[in-house]
Amino acid sequence: MKIKLIFAYVFFVVGAAKIIDWFIFWEQNKEIALRNRNIFIAKYIERFPDFFRLLFANNFLLDALLSMIMFVISGIIFLKEKK
């Protein structure tokens, strides 16, 4: 297996896991999310290690942008591979 395909799979799995994790967390904490968004976001951020907390706490849009970039990169790699 080529190294590019490994990176594509890793990027895709990380992006998909992030989205699935968000939906599962939302379902488990829907009442908090509907009452107070700030408490919900703070509780979501607390789940991650300190390194990732800085990324989420400062700008949630940056996190979404990184996920989209990972999907785009993995998609381009998958499309370029002939197999």
Protein backbone atom coordinates (compact mmCIF):
# COMPACT_ATOMS: atom_id res chain seq x y z
CA MET A 1 0.00 0.00 0.00
CA LYS A 2 1.34 3.39 -0.92
CA ILE A 3 2.09 5.97 1.74
CA LYS A 4 -0.34 8.40 0.08
CA LEU A 5 -3.21 5.97 0.54
CA ILE A 6 -2.30 5.49 4.18
CA PHE A 7 -2.42 9.26 4.71
CA ALA A 8 -5.73 9.45 2.85
CA TYR A 9 -7.27 6.75 5.03
CA VAL A 10 -5.94 8.37 8.21
CA PHE A 11 -7.27 11.81 7.23
CA PHE A 12 -10.64 10.36 6.29
CA VAL A 13 -10.98 8.32 9.49
CA VAL A 14 -9.94 11.24 11.71
CA GLY A 15 -12.40 13.59 10.01
CA ALA A 16 -15.22 11.05 10.14
CA ALA A 17 -14.50 10.20 13.78
CA LYS A 18 -14.66 13.89 14.69
CA ILE A 19 -18.05 14.31 13.06
CA ILE A 20 -19.46 11.09 14.53
CA ASP A 21 -18.14 12.05 17.97
CA TRP A 22 -19.88 15.43 17.73
CA PHE A 23 -23.23 13.84 16.87
CA ILE A 24 -22.96 11.25 19.63
CA PHE A 25 -22.01 13.94 22.17
CA TRP A 26 -24.92 16.10 20.95
CA GLU A 27 -27.39 13.22 21.40
CA GLN A 28 -26.15 12.50 24.92
CA ASN A 29 -26.24 16.17 25.97
CA LYS A 30 -29.11 17.55 23.92
CA GLU A 31 -30.86 19.11 26.91
CA ILE A 32 -27.77 21.10 27.90
CA ALA A 33 -27.20 22.18 24.30
CA LEU A 34 -30.73 23.47 23.93
CA ARG A 35 -30.64 25.35 27.25
CA ASN A 36 -27.20 26.94 27.09
CA ARG A 37 -24.82 26.68 24.14
CA ASN A 38 -21.81 28.03 26.05
CA ILE A 39 -22.04 25.34 28.75
CA PHE A 40 -22.47 22.68 26.08
CA ILE A 41 -19.38 23.86 24.16
CA ALA A 42 -17.34 24.06 27.38
CA LYS A 43 -18.36 20.52 28.31
CA TYR A 44 -17.45 19.29 24.82
CA ILE A 45 -14.03 20.94 24.94
CA GLU A 46 -13.26 19.43 28.38
CA ARG A 47 -13.28 15.95 26.84
CA PHE A 48 -10.09 16.55 24.85
CA PRO A 49 -6.43 16.70 25.91
CA ASP A 50 -4.92 20.12 26.59
CA PHE A 51 -3.26 20.31 23.16
CA PHE A 52 -6.60 20.03 21.36
CA ARG A 53 -8.46 22.23 23.84
CA LEU A 54 -6.46 25.23 22.67
CA LEU A 55 -7.55 24.57 19.10
CA PHE A 56 -11.24 24.27 20.01
CA ALA A 57 -11.40 26.97 22.66
CA ASN A 58 -9.97 29.70 20.48
CA ASN A 59 -11.89 29.08 17.30
CA PHE A 60 -14.41 26.36 16.50
CA LEU A 61 -14.38 27.41 12.85
CA LEU A 62 -10.70 26.48 12.63
CA ASP A 63 -11.58 22.97 13.78
CA ALA A 64 -14.30 22.67 11.12
CA LEU A 65 -11.94 24.03 8.48
CA LEU A 66 -9.27 21.48 9.40
CA SER A 67 -11.82 18.67 9.14
CA MET A 68 -12.91 19.86 5.71
CA ILE A 69 -9.30 20.14 4.55
CA MET A 70 -8.64 16.57 5.70
CA PHE A 71 -11.66 15.34 3.73
CA VAL A 72 -10.60 17.26 0.61
CA ILE A 73 -7.03 15.95 0.77
CA SER A 74 -8.18 12.38 1.27
CA GLY A 75 -10.73 12.73 -1.55
CA ILE A 76 -8.12 14.07 -3.98
CA ILE A 77 -5.73 11.25 -3.12
CA PHE A 78 -8.47 8.64 -3.53
CA LEU A 79 -9.50 10.09 -6.90
CA LYS A 80 -5.93 10.19 -8.20
CA GLU A 81 -5.25 6.57 -7.32
CA LYS A 82 -6.35 4.20 -10.05
CA LYS A 83 -7.07 1.24 -7.75
